[in-house]
Every structure is written in C-alpha cells, then in structure tokens.
Amino acid sequence: MAYSIRNKCSRSFTTTLIMLPTIVELVIILVNGNIGA
C-alpha cells in the first residue's frame, strides 16, 4: 500500500510485495538450523 501511493505499478507487482514476506518466512522457518538446506 505504501508503494502504490504516488507510484505507477502493476497489480502483479503489488501482489508480489504482499506475498513475498510470507514465502520468505516459510523458507526461513523450514531451513532454520539446517546449513545444507
């Protein structure tokens, strides 16, 4: 929402900004403590 104000952007990019933290969070949780992963 902060990026969309006064900026021209596509719906796909705003959706990416919303979903990306959740995806990264899941990856970090799954590899937490596993150096190889």
Full PDB file with SEQRES, HELIX, SHEET, SSBOND, CRYST1, ORIGX, SCALE, CONECT and MASTER records, all heavy atoms in Angstrom:
SEQRES   1 A   37  MET ALA TYR SER ILE ARG ASN LYS CYS SER ARG SER PHE          
SEQRES   2 A   37  THR THR THR LEU ILE MET LEU PRO THR ILE VAL GLU LEU          
SEQRES   3 A   37  VAL ILE ILE LEU VAL ASN GLY ASN ILE GLY ALA                  
HELIX    1 AA1 ARG A   11  VAL A   31  1                                  21    
CRYST1    1.000    1.000    1.000  90.00  90.00  90.00 P 1           1          
ORIGX1      1.000000  0.000000  0.000000        0.00000                         
ORIGX2      0.000000  1.000000  0.000000        0.00000                         
ORIGX3      0.000000  0.000000  1.000000        0.00000                         
SCALE1      1.000000  0.000000  0.000000        0.00000                         
SCALE2      0.000000  1.000000  0.000000        0.00000                         
SCALE3      0.000000  0.000000  1.000000        0.00000                         
ATOM      1  N   MET A   1       0.824  -1.206   0.000  1.00  0.00           N  
ATOM      2  CA  MET A   1       0.000   0.000   0.000  1.00  0.00           C  
ATOM      3  C   MET A   1       0.862   1.260   0.000  1.00  0.00           C  
ATOM      4  O   MET A   1       0.559   2.232  -0.708  1.00  0.00           O  
ATOM      5  CB  MET A   1      -0.933  -0.014   1.215  1.00  0.00           C  
ATOM      6  CG  MET A   1      -2.012  -1.080   1.157  1.00  0.00           C  
ATOM      7  SD  MET A   1      -3.018  -1.123   2.664  1.00  0.00           S  
ATOM      8  CE  MET A   1      -3.723   0.525   2.650  1.00  0.00           C  
ATOM      9  N   ALA A   2       1.948   1.246   0.769  1.00  0.00           N  
ATOM     10  CA  ALA A   2       2.828   2.411   0.812  1.00  0.00           C  
ATOM     11  C   ALA A   2       3.498   2.635  -0.529  1.00  0.00           C  
ATOM     12  O   ALA A   2       3.693   3.779  -0.961  1.00  0.00           O  
ATOM     13  CB  ALA A   2       3.880   2.231   1.907  1.00  0.00           C  
ATOM     14  N   TYR A   3       3.855   1.552  -1.215  1.00  0.00           N  
ATOM     15  CA  TYR A   3       4.498   1.702  -2.520  1.00  0.00           C  
ATOM     16  C   TYR A   3       3.513   2.188  -3.577  1.00  0.00           C  
ATOM     17  O   TYR A   3       3.867   2.960  -4.468  1.00  0.00           O  
ATOM     18  CB  TYR A   3       5.107   0.374  -2.959  1.00  0.00           C  
ATOM     19  CG  TYR A   3       5.747   0.448  -4.324  1.00  0.00           C  
ATOM     20  CD1 TYR A   3       7.049   0.920  -4.476  1.00  0.00           C  
ATOM     21  CD2 TYR A   3       5.054   0.072  -5.466  1.00  0.00           C  
ATOM     22  CE1 TYR A   3       7.632   1.011  -5.725  1.00  0.00           C  
ATOM     23  CE2 TYR A   3       5.628   0.168  -6.717  1.00  0.00           C  
ATOM     24  CZ  TYR A   3       6.914   0.631  -6.841  1.00  0.00           C  
ATOM     25  OH  TYR A   3       7.486   0.732  -8.085  1.00  0.00           O  
ATOM     26  N   SER A   4       2.253   1.732  -3.496  1.00  0.00           N  
ATOM     27  CA  SER A   4       1.266   2.045  -4.530  1.00  0.00           C  
ATOM     28  C   SER A   4       0.869   3.519  -4.537  1.00  0.00           C  
ATOM     29  O   SER A   4       0.437   4.037  -5.568  1.00  0.00           O  
ATOM     30  CB  SER A   4       0.010   1.180  -4.327  1.00  0.00           C  
ATOM     31  OG  SER A   4       0.326  -0.191  -4.412  1.00  0.00           O  
ATOM     32  N   ILE A   5       1.004   4.195  -3.403  1.00  0.00           N  
ATOM     33  CA  ILE A   5       0.621   5.607  -3.327  1.00  0.00           C  
ATOM     34  C   ILE A   5       1.649   6.449  -4.076  1.00  0.00           C  
ATOM     35  O   ILE A   5       2.838   6.381  -3.795  1.00  0.00           O  
ATOM     36  CB  ILE A   5       0.504   6.066  -1.863  1.00  0.00           C  
ATOM     37  CG1 ILE A   5      -0.572   5.262  -1.135  1.00  0.00           C  
ATOM     38  CG2 ILE A   5       0.192   7.563  -1.773  1.00  0.00           C  
ATOM     39  CD1 ILE A   5      -0.676   5.566   0.341  1.00  0.00           C  
ATOM     40  N   ARG A   6       1.188   7.235  -5.035  1.00  0.00           N  
ATOM     41  CA  ARG A   6       2.018   8.136  -5.834  1.00  0.00           C  
ATOM     42  C   ARG A   6       3.020   7.402  -6.719  1.00  0.00           C  
ATOM     43  O   ARG A   6       3.974   8.000  -7.216  1.00  0.00           O  
ATOM     44  CB  ARG A   6       2.770   9.136  -4.931  1.00  0.00           C  
ATOM     45  CG  ARG A   6       1.894  10.000  -4.054  1.00  0.00           C  
ATOM     46  CD  ARG A   6       1.062  10.968  -4.857  1.00  0.00           C  
ATOM     47  NE  ARG A   6       1.884  11.959  -5.515  1.00  0.00           N  
ATOM     48  CZ  ARG A   6       2.266  13.107  -4.953  1.00  0.00           C  
ATOM     49  NH1 ARG A   6       1.873  13.394  -3.708  1.00  0.00           N  
ATOM     50  NH2 ARG A   6       2.997  13.980  -5.619  1.00  0.00           N  
ATOM     51  N   ASN A   7       2.811   6.098  -6.947  1.00  0.00           N  
ATOM     52  CA  ASN A   7       3.670   5.332  -7.848  1.00  0.00           C  
ATOM     53  C   ASN A   7       2.806   4.575  -8.838  1.00  0.00           C  
ATOM     54  O   ASN A   7       1.712   4.115  -8.493  1.00  0.00           O  
ATOM     55  CB  ASN A   7       4.543   4.324  -7.079  1.00  0.00           C  
ATOM     56  CG  ASN A   7       5.768   4.958  -6.474  1.00  0.00           C  
ATOM     57  OD1 ASN A   7       6.473   5.718  -7.120  1.00  0.00           O  
ATOM     58  ND2 ASN A   7       6.026   4.658  -5.215  1.00  0.00           N  
ATOM     59  N   LYS A   8       3.304   4.449 -10.065  1.00  0.00           N  
ATOM     60  CA  LYS A   8       2.626   3.639 -11.064  1.00  0.00           C  
ATOM     61  C   LYS A   8       3.167   2.220 -10.978  1.00  0.00           C  
ATOM     62  O   LYS A   8       4.361   1.996 -11.129  1.00  0.00           O  
ATOM     63  CB  LYS A   8       2.869   4.201 -12.464  1.00  0.00           C  
ATOM     64  CG  LYS A   8       2.291   5.588 -12.683  1.00  0.00           C  
ATOM     65  CD  LYS A   8       2.617   6.082 -14.086  1.00  0.00           C  
ATOM     66  CE  LYS A   8       2.069   7.488 -14.306  1.00  0.00           C  
ATOM     67  NZ  LYS A   8       2.401   8.006 -15.662  1.00  0.00           N  
ATOM     68  N   CYS A   9       2.287   1.261 -10.734  1.00  0.00           N  
ATOM     69  CA  CYS A   9       2.739  -0.122 -10.633  1.00  0.00           C  
ATOM     70  C   CYS A   9       1.613  -1.044 -11.065  1.00  0.00           C  
ATOM     71  O   CYS A   9       0.443  -0.675 -11.058  1.00  0.00           O  
ATOM     72  CB  CYS A   9       3.202  -0.451  -9.217  1.00  0.00           C  
ATOM     73  SG  CYS A   9       1.955  -0.180  -7.947  1.00  0.00           S  
ATOM     74  N   SER A  10       1.985  -2.252 -11.440  1.00  0.00           N  
ATOM     75  CA  SER A  10       1.009  -3.227 -11.891  1.00  0.00           C  
ATOM     76  C   SER A  10       0.411  -3.984 -10.706  1.00  0.00           C  
ATOM     77  O   SER A  10       0.971  -4.007  -9.608  1.00  0.00           O  
ATOM     78  CB  SER A  10       1.669  -4.213 -12.859  1.00  0.00           C  
ATOM     79  OG  SER A  10       2.648  -4.977 -12.174  1.00  0.00           O  
ATOM     80  N   ARG A  11      -0.710  -4.628 -10.964  1.00  0.00           N  
ATOM     81  CA  ARG A  11      -1.346  -5.440  -9.923  1.00  0.00           C  
ATOM     82  C   ARG A  11      -0.471  -6.631  -9.544  1.00  0.00           C  
ATOM     83  O   ARG A  11      -0.424  -7.032  -8.377  1.00  0.00           O  
ATOM     84  CB  ARG A  11      -2.711  -5.922 -10.408  1.00  0.00           C  
ATOM     85  CG  ARG A  11      -3.496  -6.698  -9.353  1.00  0.00           C  
ATOM     86  CD  ARG A  11      -4.903  -7.004  -9.822  1.00  0.00           C  
ATOM     87  NE  ARG A  11      -4.892  -7.847 -11.012  1.00  0.00           N  
ATOM     88  CZ  ARG A  11      -5.984  -8.276 -11.625  1.00  0.00           C  
ATOM     89  NH1 ARG A  11      -7.174  -7.910 -11.166  1.00  0.00           N  
ATOM     90  NH2 ARG A  11      -5.905  -9.037 -12.691  1.00  0.00           N  
ATOM     91  N   SER A  12       0.234  -7.190 -10.537  1.00  0.00           N  
ATOM     92  CA  SER A  12       1.091  -8.334 -10.241  1.00  0.00           C  
ATOM     93  C   SER A  12       2.232  -7.943  -9.297  1.00  0.00           C  
ATOM     94  O   SER A  12       2.613  -8.724  -8.419  1.00  0.00           O  
ATOM     95  CB  SER A  12       1.669  -8.909 -11.539  1.00  0.00           C  
ATOM     96  OG  SER A  12       2.500  -7.961 -12.189  1.00  0.00           O  
ATOM     97  N   PHE A  13       2.762  -6.718  -9.458  1.00  0.00           N  
ATOM     98  CA  PHE A  13       3.861  -6.294  -8.589  1.00  0.00           C  
ATOM     99  C   PHE A  13       3.376  -6.038  -7.168  1.00  0.00           C  
ATOM    100  O   PHE A  13       4.044  -6.414  -6.201  1.00  0.00           O  
ATOM    101  CB  PHE A  13       4.526  -5.043  -9.154  1.00  0.00           C  
ATOM    102  CG  PHE A  13       5.707  -4.578  -8.350  1.00  0.00           C  
ATOM    103  CD1 PHE A  13       6.858  -5.319  -8.298  1.00  0.00           C  
ATOM    104  CD2 PHE A  13       5.648  -3.403  -7.626  1.00  0.00           C  
ATOM    105  CE1 PHE A  13       7.960  -4.906  -7.551  1.00  0.00           C  
ATOM    106  CE2 PHE A  13       6.726  -2.971  -6.875  1.00  0.00           C  
ATOM    107  CZ  PHE A  13       7.890  -3.733  -6.840  1.00  0.00           C  
ATOM    108  N   THR A  14       2.216  -5.391  -7.007  1.00  0.00           N  
ATOM    109  CA  THR A  14       1.688  -5.165  -5.660  1.00  0.00           C  
ATOM    110  C   THR A  14       1.358  -6.494  -4.978  1.00  0.00           C  
ATOM    111  O   THR A  14       1.565  -6.636  -3.766  1.00  0.00           O  
ATOM    112  CB  THR A  14       0.436  -4.277  -5.718  1.00  0.00           C  
ATOM    113  OG1 THR A  14      -0.543  -4.862  -6.598  1.00  0.00           O  
ATOM    114  CG2 THR A  14       0.770  -2.893  -6.239  1.00  0.00           C  
ATOM    115  N   THR A  15       0.850  -7.451  -5.734  1.00  0.00           N  
ATOM    116  CA  THR A  15       0.583  -8.774  -5.165  1.00  0.00           C  
ATOM    117  C   THR A  15       1.875  -9.454  -4.734  1.00  0.00           C  
ATOM    118  O   THR A  15       1.928 -10.118  -3.694  1.00  0.00           O  
ATOM    119  CB  THR A  15      -0.150  -9.655  -6.191  1.00  0.00           C  
ATOM    120  OG1 THR A  15      -1.357  -9.006  -6.603  1.00  0.00           O  
ATOM    121  CG2 THR A  15      -0.490 -11.012  -5.595  1.00  0.00           C  
ATOM    122  N   THR A  16       2.925  -9.269  -5.516  1.00  0.00           N  
ATOM    123  CA  THR A  16       4.231  -9.831  -5.163  1.00  0.00           C  
ATOM    124  C   THR A  16       4.738  -9.278  -3.840  1.00  0.00           C  
ATOM    125  O   THR A  16       5.246 -10.026  -2.987  1.00  0.00           O  
ATOM    126  CB  THR A  16       5.254  -9.535  -6.273  1.00  0.00           C  
ATOM    127  OG1 THR A  16       4.819 -10.151  -7.485  1.00  0.00           O  
ATOM    128  CG2 THR A  16       6.625 -10.069  -5.901  1.00  0.00           C  
ATOM    129  N   LEU A  17       4.597  -7.963  -3.642  1.00  0.00           N  
ATOM    130  CA  LEU A  17       5.047  -7.355  -2.395  1.00  0.00           C  
ATOM    131  C   LEU A  17       4.264  -7.892  -1.194  1.00  0.00           C  
ATOM    132  O   LEU A  17       4.797  -7.978  -0.089  1.00  0.00           O  
ATOM    133  CB  LEU A  17       4.897  -5.834  -2.473  1.00  0.00           C  
ATOM    134  CG  LEU A  17       5.832  -5.106  -3.446  1.00  0.00           C  
ATOM    135  CD1 LEU A  17       5.562  -3.602  -3.404  1.00  0.00           C  
ATOM    136  CD2 LEU A  17       7.289  -5.387  -3.128  1.00  0.00           C  
ATOM    137  N   ILE A  18       3.003  -8.232  -1.409  1.00  0.00           N  
ATOM    138  CA  ILE A  18       2.186  -8.764  -0.303  1.00  0.00           C  
ATOM    139  C   ILE A  18       2.589 -10.196   0.040  1.00  0.00           C  
ATOM    140  O   ILE A  18       2.710 -10.564   1.209  1.00  0.00           O  
ATOM    141  CB  ILE A  18       0.692  -8.700  -0.667  1.00  0.00           C  
ATOM    142  CG1 ILE A  18       0.249  -7.241  -0.832  1.00  0.00           C  
ATOM    143  CG2 ILE A  18      -0.161  -9.383   0.399  1.00  0.00           C  
ATOM    144  CD1 ILE A  18      -1.161  -7.091  -1.346  1.00  0.00           C  
ATOM    145  N   MET A  19       2.816 -11.012  -0.986  1.00  0.00           N  
ATOM    146  CA  MET A  19       3.048 -12.439  -0.765  1.00  0.00           C  
ATOM    147  C   MET A  19       4.504 -12.769  -0.447  1.00  0.00           C  
ATOM    148  O   MET A  19       4.780 -13.778   0.210  1.00  0.00           O  
ATOM    149  CB  MET A  19       2.616 -13.223  -2.013  1.00  0.00           C  
ATOM    150  CG  MET A  19       1.162 -13.047  -2.383  1.00  0.00           C  
ATOM    151  SD  MET A  19       0.047 -13.558  -1.051  1.00  0.00           S  
ATOM    152  CE  MET A  19       0.465 -15.301  -0.929  1.00  0.00           C  
ATOM    153  N   LEU A  20       5.440 -11.944  -0.892  1.00  0.00           N  
ATOM    154  CA  LEU A  20       6.862 -12.276  -0.748  1.00  0.00           C  
ATOM    155  C   LEU A  20       7.303 -12.466   0.700  1.00  0.00           C  
ATOM    156  O   LEU A  20       8.046 -13.417   0.995  1.00  0.00           O  
ATOM    157  CB  LEU A  20       7.706 -11.204  -1.437  1.00  0.00           C  
ATOM    158  CG  LEU A  20       9.199 -11.506  -1.572  1.00  0.00           C  
ATOM    159  CD1 LEU A  20       9.428 -12.818  -2.335  1.00  0.00           C  
ATOM    160  CD2 LEU A  20       9.907 -10.361  -2.284  1.00  0.00           C  
ATOM    161  N   PRO A  21       6.906 -11.594   1.656  1.00  0.00           N  
ATOM    162  CA  PRO A  21       7.335 -11.833   3.040  1.00  0.00           C  
ATOM    163  C   PRO A  21       6.897 -13.189   3.579  1.00  0.00           C  
ATOM    164  O   PRO A  21       7.658 -13.857   4.303  1.00  0.00           O  
ATOM    165  CB  PRO A  21       6.680 -10.682   3.819  1.00  0.00           C  
ATOM    166  CG  PRO A  21       6.478  -9.615   2.812  1.00  0.00           C  
ATOM    167  CD  PRO A  21       6.154 -10.326   1.542  1.00  0.00           C  
ATOM    168  N   THR A  22       5.694 -13.620   3.227  1.00  0.00           N  
ATOM    169  CA  THR A  22       5.196 -14.912   3.709  1.00  0.00           C  
ATOM    170  C   THR A  22       5.999 -16.065   3.116  1.00  0.00           C  
ATOM    171  O   THR A  22       6.312 -17.039   3.813  1.00  0.00           O  
ATOM    172  CB  THR A  22       3.706 -15.065   3.349  1.00  0.00           C  
ATOM    173  OG1 THR A  22       2.982 -13.936   3.828  1.00  0.00           O  
ATOM    174  CG2 THR A  22       3.131 -16.327   3.972  1.00  0.00           C  
ATOM    175  N   ILE A  23       6.327 -15.956   1.833  1.00  0.00           N  
ATOM    176  CA  ILE A  23       7.096 -17.020   1.189  1.00  0.00           C  
ATOM    177  C   ILE A  23       8.497 -17.124   1.798  1.00  0.00           C  
ATOM    178  O   ILE A  23       8.985 -18.222   2.108  1.00  0.00           O  
ATOM    179  CB  ILE A  23       7.180 -16.760  -0.328  1.00  0.00           C  
ATOM    180  CG1 ILE A  23       5.783 -16.788  -0.941  1.00  0.00           C  
ATOM    181  CG2 ILE A  23       8.089 -17.779  -1.011  1.00  0.00           C  
ATOM    182  CD1 ILE A  23       5.732 -16.361  -2.398  1.00  0.00           C  
ATOM    183  N   VAL A  24       9.157 -15.973   1.964  1.00  0.00           N  
ATOM    184  CA  VAL A  24      10.495 -15.977   2.558  1.00  0.00           C  
ATOM    185  C   VAL A  24      10.430 -16.484   3.990  1.00  0.00           C  
ATOM    186  O   VAL A  24      11.309 -17.244   4.433  1.00  0.00           O  
ATOM    187  CB  VAL A  24      11.103 -14.560   2.505  1.00  0.00           C  
ATOM    188  CG1 VAL A  24      12.439 -14.518   3.232  1.00  0.00           C  
ATOM    189  CG2 VAL A  24      11.284 -14.117   1.060  1.00  0.00           C  
ATOM    190  N   GLU A  25       9.408 -16.064   4.722  1.00  0.00           N  
ATOM    191  CA  GLU A  25       9.247 -16.522   6.117  1.00  0.00           C  
ATOM    192  C   GLU A  25       9.143 -18.037   6.199  1.00  0.00           C  
ATOM    193  O   GLU A  25       9.784 -18.684   7.039  1.00  0.00           O  
ATOM    194  CB  GLU A  25       8.008 -15.872   6.715  1.00  0.00           C  
ATOM    195  CG  GLU A  25       7.483 -16.506   7.989  1.00  0.00           C  
ATOM    196  CD  GLU A  25       6.142 -17.202   7.777  1.00  0.00           C  
ATOM    197  OE1 GLU A  25       5.237 -16.573   7.212  1.00  0.00           O  
ATOM    198  OE2 GLU A  25       6.031 -18.372   8.197  1.00  0.00           O  
ATOM    199  N   LEU A  26       8.357 -18.659   5.298  1.00  0.00           N  
ATOM    200  CA  LEU A  26       8.208 -20.114   5.305  1.00  0.00           C  
ATOM    201  C   LEU A  26       9.533 -20.797   4.995  1.00  0.00           C  
ATOM    202  O   LEU A  26       9.901 -21.788   5.636  1.00  0.00           O  
ATOM    203  CB  LEU A  26       7.145 -20.529   4.285  1.00  0.00           C  
ATOM    204  CG  LEU A  26       6.909 -22.035   4.138  1.00  0.00           C  
ATOM    205  CD1 LEU A  26       6.442 -22.638   5.459  1.00  0.00           C  
ATOM    206  CD2 LEU A  26       5.900 -22.302   3.027  1.00  0.00           C  
ATOM    207  N   VAL A  27      10.278 -20.256   4.016  1.00  0.00           N  
ATOM    208  CA  VAL A  27      11.571 -20.842   3.667  1.00  0.00           C  
ATOM    209  C   VAL A  27      12.532 -20.774   4.852  1.00  0.00           C  
ATOM    210  O   VAL A  27      13.217 -21.752   5.170  1.00  0.00           O  
ATOM    211  CB  VAL A  27      12.168 -20.120   2.441  1.00  0.00           C  
ATOM    212  CG1 VAL A  27      13.598 -20.589   2.189  1.00  0.00           C  
ATOM    213  CG2 VAL A  27      11.311 -20.358   1.204  1.00  0.00           C  
ATOM    214  N   ILE A  28      12.577 -19.631   5.526  1.00  0.00           N  
ATOM    215  CA  ILE A  28      13.498 -19.463   6.653  1.00  0.00           C  
ATOM    216  C   ILE A  28      13.132 -20.414   7.792  1.00  0.00           C  
ATOM    217  O   ILE A  28      14.012 -21.004   8.435  1.00  0.00           O  
ATOM    218  CB  ILE A  28      13.480 -18.005   7.141  1.00  0.00           C  
ATOM    219  CG1 ILE A  28      14.011 -17.082   6.052  1.00  0.00           C  
ATOM    220  CG2 ILE A  28      14.307 -17.852   8.409  1.00  0.00           C  
ATOM    221  CD1 ILE A  28      15.414 -17.411   5.598  1.00  0.00           C  
ATOM    222  N   ILE A  29      11.850 -20.573   8.051  1.00  0.00           N  
ATOM    223  CA  ILE A  29      11.424 -21.496   9.112  1.00  0.00           C  
ATOM    224  C   ILE A  29      11.842 -22.930   8.793  1.00  0.00           C  
ATOM    225  O   ILE A  29      12.327 -23.669   9.654  1.00  0.00           O  
ATOM    226  CB  ILE A  29       9.896 -21.407   9.312  1.00  0.00           C  
ATOM    227  CG1 ILE A  29       9.534 -20.129  10.068  1.00  0.00           C  
ATOM    228  CG2 ILE A  29       9.375 -22.615  10.084  1.00  0.00           C  
ATOM    229  CD1 ILE A  29       8.058 -19.976  10.343  1.00  0.00           C  
ATOM    230  N   LEU A  30      11.689 -23.332   7.533  1.00  0.00           N  
ATOM    231  CA  LEU A  30      11.980 -24.710   7.153  1.00  0.00           C  
ATOM    232  C   LEU A  30      13.473 -25.019   7.174  1.00  0.00           C  
ATOM    233  O   LEU A  30      13.878 -26.159   7.440  1.00  0.00           O  
ATOM    234  CB  LEU A  30      11.412 -25.001   5.764  1.00  0.00           C  
ATOM    235  CG  LEU A  30       9.883 -24.984   5.654  1.00  0.00           C  
ATOM    236  CD1 LEU A  30       9.441 -25.251   4.227  1.00  0.00           C  
ATOM    237  CD2 LEU A  30       9.265 -26.018   6.596  1.00  0.00           C  
ATOM    238  N   VAL A  31      14.329 -24.013   6.895  1.00  0.00           N  
ATOM    239  CA  VAL A  31      15.768 -24.273   6.851  1.00  0.00           C  
ATOM    240  C   VAL A  31      16.466 -23.823   8.125  1.00  0.00           C  
ATOM    241  O   VAL A  31      17.697 -23.897   8.211  1.00  0.00           O  
ATOM    242  CB  VAL A  31      16.426 -23.564   5.643  1.00  0.00           C  
ATOM    243  CG1 VAL A  31      15.776 -23.996   4.348  1.00  0.00           C  
ATOM    244  CG2 VAL A  31      16.372 -22.049   5.799  1.00  0.00           C  
ATOM    245  N   ASN A  32      15.713 -23.371   9.105  1.00  0.00           N  
ATOM    246  CA  ASN A  32      16.300 -22.866  10.339  1.00  0.00           C  
ATOM    247  C   ASN A  32      17.116 -23.962  11.024  1.00  0.00           C  
ATOM    248  O   ASN A  32      16.595 -25.011  11.393  1.00  0.00           O  
ATOM    249  CB  ASN A  32      15.198 -22.362  11.274  1.00  0.00           C  
ATOM    250  CG  ASN A  32      15.767 -21.568  12.438  1.00  0.00           C  
ATOM    251  OD1 ASN A  32      16.951 -21.235  12.465  1.00  0.00           O  
ATOM    252  ND2 ASN A  32      14.921 -21.270  13.394  1.00  0.00           N  
ATOM    253  N   GLY A  33      18.423 -23.704  11.178  1.00  0.00           N  
ATOM    254  CA  GLY A  33      19.305 -24.677  11.828  1.00  0.00           C  
ATOM    255  C   GLY A  33      19.891 -25.711  10.893  1.00  0.00           C  
ATOM    256  O   GLY A  33      20.752 -26.483  11.302  1.00  0.00           O  
ATOM    257  N   ASN A  34      19.460 -25.740   9.623  1.00  0.00           N  
ATOM    258  CA  ASN A  34      19.973 -26.711   8.660  1.00  0.00           C  
ATOM    259  C   ASN A  34      20.865 -25.978   7.659  1.00  0.00           C  
ATOM    260  O   ASN A  34      20.375 -25.316   6.749  1.00  0.00           O  
ATOM    261  CB  ASN A  34      18.815 -27.405   7.937  1.00  0.00           C  
ATOM    262  CG  ASN A  34      19.291 -28.606   7.127  1.00  0.00           C  
ATOM    263  OD1 ASN A  34      20.379 -28.608   6.583  1.00  0.00           O  
ATOM    264  ND2 ASN A  34      18.434 -29.614   7.053  1.00  0.00           N  
ATOM    265  N   ILE A  35      22.179 -26.060   7.827  1.00  0.00           N  
ATOM    266  CA  ILE A  35      23.111 -25.310   6.990  1.00  0.00           C  
ATOM    267  C   ILE A  35      23.050 -25.778   5.534  1.00  0.00           C  
ATOM    268  O   ILE A  35      23.049 -24.962   4.601  1.00  0.00           O  
ATOM    269  CB  ILE A  35      24.543 -25.450   7.529  1.00  0.00           C  
ATOM    270  CG1 ILE A  35      24.632 -24.856   8.937  1.00  0.00           C  
ATOM    271  CG2 ILE A  35      25.528 -24.736   6.603  1.00  0.00           C  
ATOM    272  CD1 ILE A  35      25.998 -25.013   9.569  1.00  0.00           C  
ATOM    273  N   GLY A  36      22.971 -27.081   5.330  1.00  0.00           N  
ATOM    274  CA  GLY A  36      22.924 -27.604   3.961  1.00  0.00           C  
ATOM    275  C   GLY A  36      21.708 -27.122   3.201  1.00  0.00           C  
ATOM    276  O   GLY A  36      21.796 -26.699   2.051  1.00  0.00           O  
ATOM    277  N   ALA A  37      20.549 -27.179   3.852  1.00  0.00           N  
ATOM    278  CA  ALA A  37      19.324 -26.704   3.205  1.00  0.00           C  
ATOM    279  C   ALA A  37      19.390 -25.203   2.956  1.00  0.00           C  
ATOM    280  O   ALA A  37      18.905 -24.711   1.934  1.00  0.00           O  
ATOM    281  CB  ALA A  37      18.108 -27.038   4.069  1.00  0.00           C  
TER     282      ALA A  37                                                      
MASTER        0    0    0    1    0    0    0    6  281    1    0    3          
END                                                                             
